[in-house]
């Protein structure tokens, strides 16, 4: 799983993950999406292992409460 964070002005704007093969074209598309939605100063980065674990727990909690 590839998990990402989009930040702008030190604020988290989006968190999401991909479970598909990830390549340079996919990365470029995500960068373009980030800049189109949040401006050229927005930053896309991969989550740290700790962030990914927290993200996974939050997703599981969301599924369980439905």
N, C-alpha and C. Protein backbone atom coordinates (compact mmCIF):
# COMPACT_ATOMS: atom_id res chain seq x y z
N UNK A 1 0.85 -1.18 0.00
CA UNK A 1 0.00 0.00 0.00
C UNK A 1 0.89 1.24 0.00
N UNK A 2 0.55 2.18 -0.84
CA UNK A 2 1.21 3.47 -0.87
C UNK A 2 0.26 4.48 -0.24
N UNK A 3 0.70 5.17 0.78
CA UNK A 3 -0.15 6.12 1.49
C UNK A 3 0.48 7.51 1.41
N UNK A 4 -0.38 8.51 1.17
CA UNK A 4 0.10 9.87 0.92
C UNK A 4 -0.62 10.90 1.78
N UNK A 5 0.05 12.02 1.94
CA UNK A 5 -0.50 13.19 2.63
C UNK A 5 -0.31 14.38 1.71
N UNK A 6 -1.35 15.20 1.59
CA UNK A 6 -1.23 16.48 0.90
C UNK A 6 -1.32 17.55 1.98
N UNK A 7 -0.30 18.44 2.00
CA UNK A 7 -0.26 19.51 2.98
C UNK A 7 -0.12 20.86 2.28
N UNK A 8 -0.73 21.85 2.89
CA UNK A 8 -0.57 23.23 2.43
C UNK A 8 -0.58 24.11 3.66
N UNK A 9 0.38 25.01 3.75
CA UNK A 9 0.50 25.90 4.90
C UNK A 9 0.50 25.12 6.21
N UNK A 10 1.24 24.01 6.22
CA UNK A 10 1.40 23.14 7.39
C UNK A 10 0.12 22.44 7.83
N UNK A 11 -0.94 22.51 7.04
CA UNK A 11 -2.20 21.84 7.36
C UNK A 11 -2.39 20.63 6.43
N UNK A 12 -2.84 19.53 7.01
CA UNK A 12 -3.15 18.35 6.20
C UNK A 12 -4.45 18.62 5.45
N UNK A 13 -4.40 18.51 4.14
CA UNK A 13 -5.58 18.72 3.31
C UNK A 13 -6.25 17.41 2.93
N UNK A 14 -5.44 16.39 2.66
CA UNK A 14 -5.97 15.07 2.30
C UNK A 14 -5.00 13.99 2.74
N UNK A 15 -5.56 12.83 3.05
CA UNK A 15 -4.78 11.61 3.24
C UNK A 15 -5.46 10.54 2.40
N UNK A 16 -4.69 9.72 1.74
CA UNK A 16 -5.27 8.67 0.91
C UNK A 16 -4.22 7.60 0.64
N UNK A 17 -4.69 6.48 0.14
CA UNK A 17 -3.77 5.39 -0.17
C UNK A 17 -4.12 4.76 -1.51
N UNK A 18 -3.15 4.05 -2.06
CA UNK A 18 -3.31 3.32 -3.31
C UNK A 18 -2.84 1.90 -3.08
N UNK A 19 -3.56 0.96 -3.66
CA UNK A 19 -3.12 -0.44 -3.61
C UNK A 19 -2.91 -0.97 -5.01
N UNK A 20 -2.62 -0.07 -5.93
CA UNK A 20 -2.34 -0.43 -7.31
C UNK A 20 -0.85 -0.24 -7.57
N UNK A 21 -0.33 -0.84 -8.63
CA UNK A 21 1.08 -0.60 -8.95
C UNK A 21 1.35 0.90 -9.10
N UNK A 22 2.40 1.35 -8.49
CA UNK A 22 2.73 2.77 -8.47
C UNK A 22 3.97 2.99 -9.32
N UNK A 23 3.89 3.95 -10.24
CA UNK A 23 5.03 4.22 -11.11
C UNK A 23 5.20 5.73 -11.27
N UNK A 24 6.12 6.14 -12.11
CA UNK A 24 6.42 7.56 -12.29
C UNK A 24 5.22 8.33 -12.85
N UNK A 25 4.46 7.72 -13.75
CA UNK A 25 3.27 8.37 -14.31
C UNK A 25 2.22 8.61 -13.22
N UNK A 26 2.03 7.62 -12.36
CA UNK A 26 1.08 7.77 -11.25
C UNK A 26 1.53 8.90 -10.34
N UNK A 27 2.81 8.95 -10.03
CA UNK A 27 3.34 9.99 -9.16
C UNK A 27 3.13 11.36 -9.78
N UNK A 28 3.40 11.51 -11.06
CA UNK A 28 3.22 12.80 -11.73
C UNK A 28 1.75 13.21 -11.72
N UNK A 29 0.86 12.26 -11.92
CA UNK A 29 -0.57 12.56 -11.87
C UNK A 29 -0.99 13.06 -10.49
N UNK A 30 -0.46 12.45 -9.43
CA UNK A 30 -0.78 12.88 -8.07
C UNK A 30 -0.24 14.28 -7.79
N UNK A 31 0.94 14.58 -8.29
CA UNK A 31 1.50 15.92 -8.11
C UNK A 31 0.63 16.94 -8.84
N UNK A 32 0.21 16.64 -10.05
CA UNK A 32 -0.66 17.55 -10.81
C UNK A 32 -2.00 17.73 -10.10
N UNK A 33 -2.56 16.66 -9.57
CA UNK A 33 -3.81 16.74 -8.81
C UNK A 33 -3.63 17.66 -7.60
N UNK A 34 -2.54 17.46 -6.87
CA UNK A 34 -2.25 18.27 -5.68
C UNK A 34 -2.19 19.75 -6.04
N UNK A 35 -1.44 20.10 -7.06
CA UNK A 35 -1.29 21.50 -7.44
C UNK A 35 -2.57 22.08 -8.02
N UNK A 36 -3.32 21.30 -8.75
CA UNK A 36 -4.59 21.78 -9.33
C UNK A 36 -5.62 22.08 -8.24
N UNK A 37 -5.64 21.27 -7.18
CA UNK A 37 -6.64 21.44 -6.14
C UNK A 37 -6.22 22.35 -4.99
N UNK A 38 -4.92 22.44 -4.74
CA UNK A 38 -4.45 23.18 -3.56
C UNK A 38 -3.41 24.25 -3.86
N UNK A 39 -3.03 24.41 -5.13
CA UNK A 39 -2.07 25.43 -5.51
C UNK A 39 -0.65 24.88 -5.60
N UNK A 40 0.21 25.64 -6.28
CA UNK A 40 1.57 25.16 -6.53
C UNK A 40 2.43 25.02 -5.27
N UNK A 41 2.04 25.67 -4.18
CA UNK A 41 2.81 25.56 -2.95
C UNK A 41 2.44 24.34 -2.11
N UNK A 42 1.38 23.64 -2.51
CA UNK A 42 0.97 22.43 -1.78
C UNK A 42 2.01 21.33 -1.98
N UNK A 43 2.15 20.47 -0.99
CA UNK A 43 3.16 19.43 -1.01
C UNK A 43 2.52 18.04 -0.89
N UNK A 44 2.95 17.13 -1.74
CA UNK A 44 2.54 15.73 -1.68
C UNK A 44 3.72 14.93 -1.17
N UNK A 45 3.47 14.07 -0.17
CA UNK A 45 4.55 13.21 0.31
C UNK A 45 3.98 11.89 0.78
N UNK A 46 4.84 10.88 0.82
CA UNK A 46 4.43 9.59 1.36
C UNK A 46 4.35 9.69 2.87
N UNK A 47 3.43 8.94 3.44
CA UNK A 47 3.29 8.89 4.90
C UNK A 47 4.47 8.15 5.50
N UNK A 48 4.81 8.53 6.72
CA UNK A 48 5.79 7.76 7.48
C UNK A 48 5.11 6.46 7.92
N UNK A 49 5.87 5.52 8.41
CA UNK A 49 5.29 4.26 8.90
C UNK A 49 4.30 4.52 10.03
N UNK A 50 4.63 5.45 10.91
CA UNK A 50 3.73 5.79 12.02
C UNK A 50 2.42 6.40 11.50
N UNK A 51 2.52 7.31 10.56
CA UNK A 51 1.32 7.93 9.98
C UNK A 51 0.47 6.89 9.27
N UNK A 52 1.13 5.98 8.56
CA UNK A 52 0.41 4.93 7.82
C UNK A 52 -0.35 4.02 8.79
N UNK A 53 0.26 3.68 9.92
CA UNK A 53 -0.41 2.84 10.92
C UNK A 53 -1.63 3.55 11.47
N UNK A 54 -1.50 4.84 11.77
CA UNK A 54 -2.62 5.62 12.29
C UNK A 54 -3.73 5.74 11.23
N UNK A 55 -3.34 5.97 10.00
CA UNK A 55 -4.29 6.08 8.88
C UNK A 55 -5.07 4.78 8.73
N UNK A 56 -4.39 3.64 8.83
CA UNK A 56 -5.03 2.33 8.70
C UNK A 56 -6.01 2.10 9.85
N UNK A 57 -5.63 2.47 11.06
CA UNK A 57 -6.53 2.32 12.21
C UNK A 57 -7.78 3.19 12.05
N UNK A 58 -7.61 4.41 11.59
CA UNK A 58 -8.76 5.30 11.38
C UNK A 58 -9.69 4.73 10.32
N UNK A 59 -9.14 4.18 9.26
CA UNK A 59 -9.96 3.59 8.21
C UNK A 59 -10.74 2.39 8.74
N UNK A 60 -10.10 1.56 9.55
CA UNK A 60 -10.77 0.41 10.13
C UNK A 60 -11.89 0.84 11.08
N UNK A 61 -11.64 1.87 11.88
CA UNK A 61 -12.66 2.39 12.78
C UNK A 61 -13.85 2.92 12.00
N UNK A 62 -13.59 3.57 10.89
CA UNK A 62 -14.66 4.11 10.05
C UNK A 62 -15.53 3.00 9.48
N UNK A 63 -14.90 1.92 9.04
CA UNK A 63 -15.63 0.78 8.49
C UNK A 63 -16.47 0.11 9.57
N UNK A 64 -15.91 -0.04 10.75
CA UNK A 64 -16.60 -0.72 11.84
C UNK A 64 -17.79 0.05 12.37
N UNK A 65 -17.81 1.37 12.26
CA UNK A 65 -18.90 2.18 12.78
C UNK A 65 -20.06 2.31 11.79
N UNK A 66 -19.90 1.76 10.60
CA UNK A 66 -20.98 1.85 9.59
C UNK A 66 -21.97 0.75 9.78
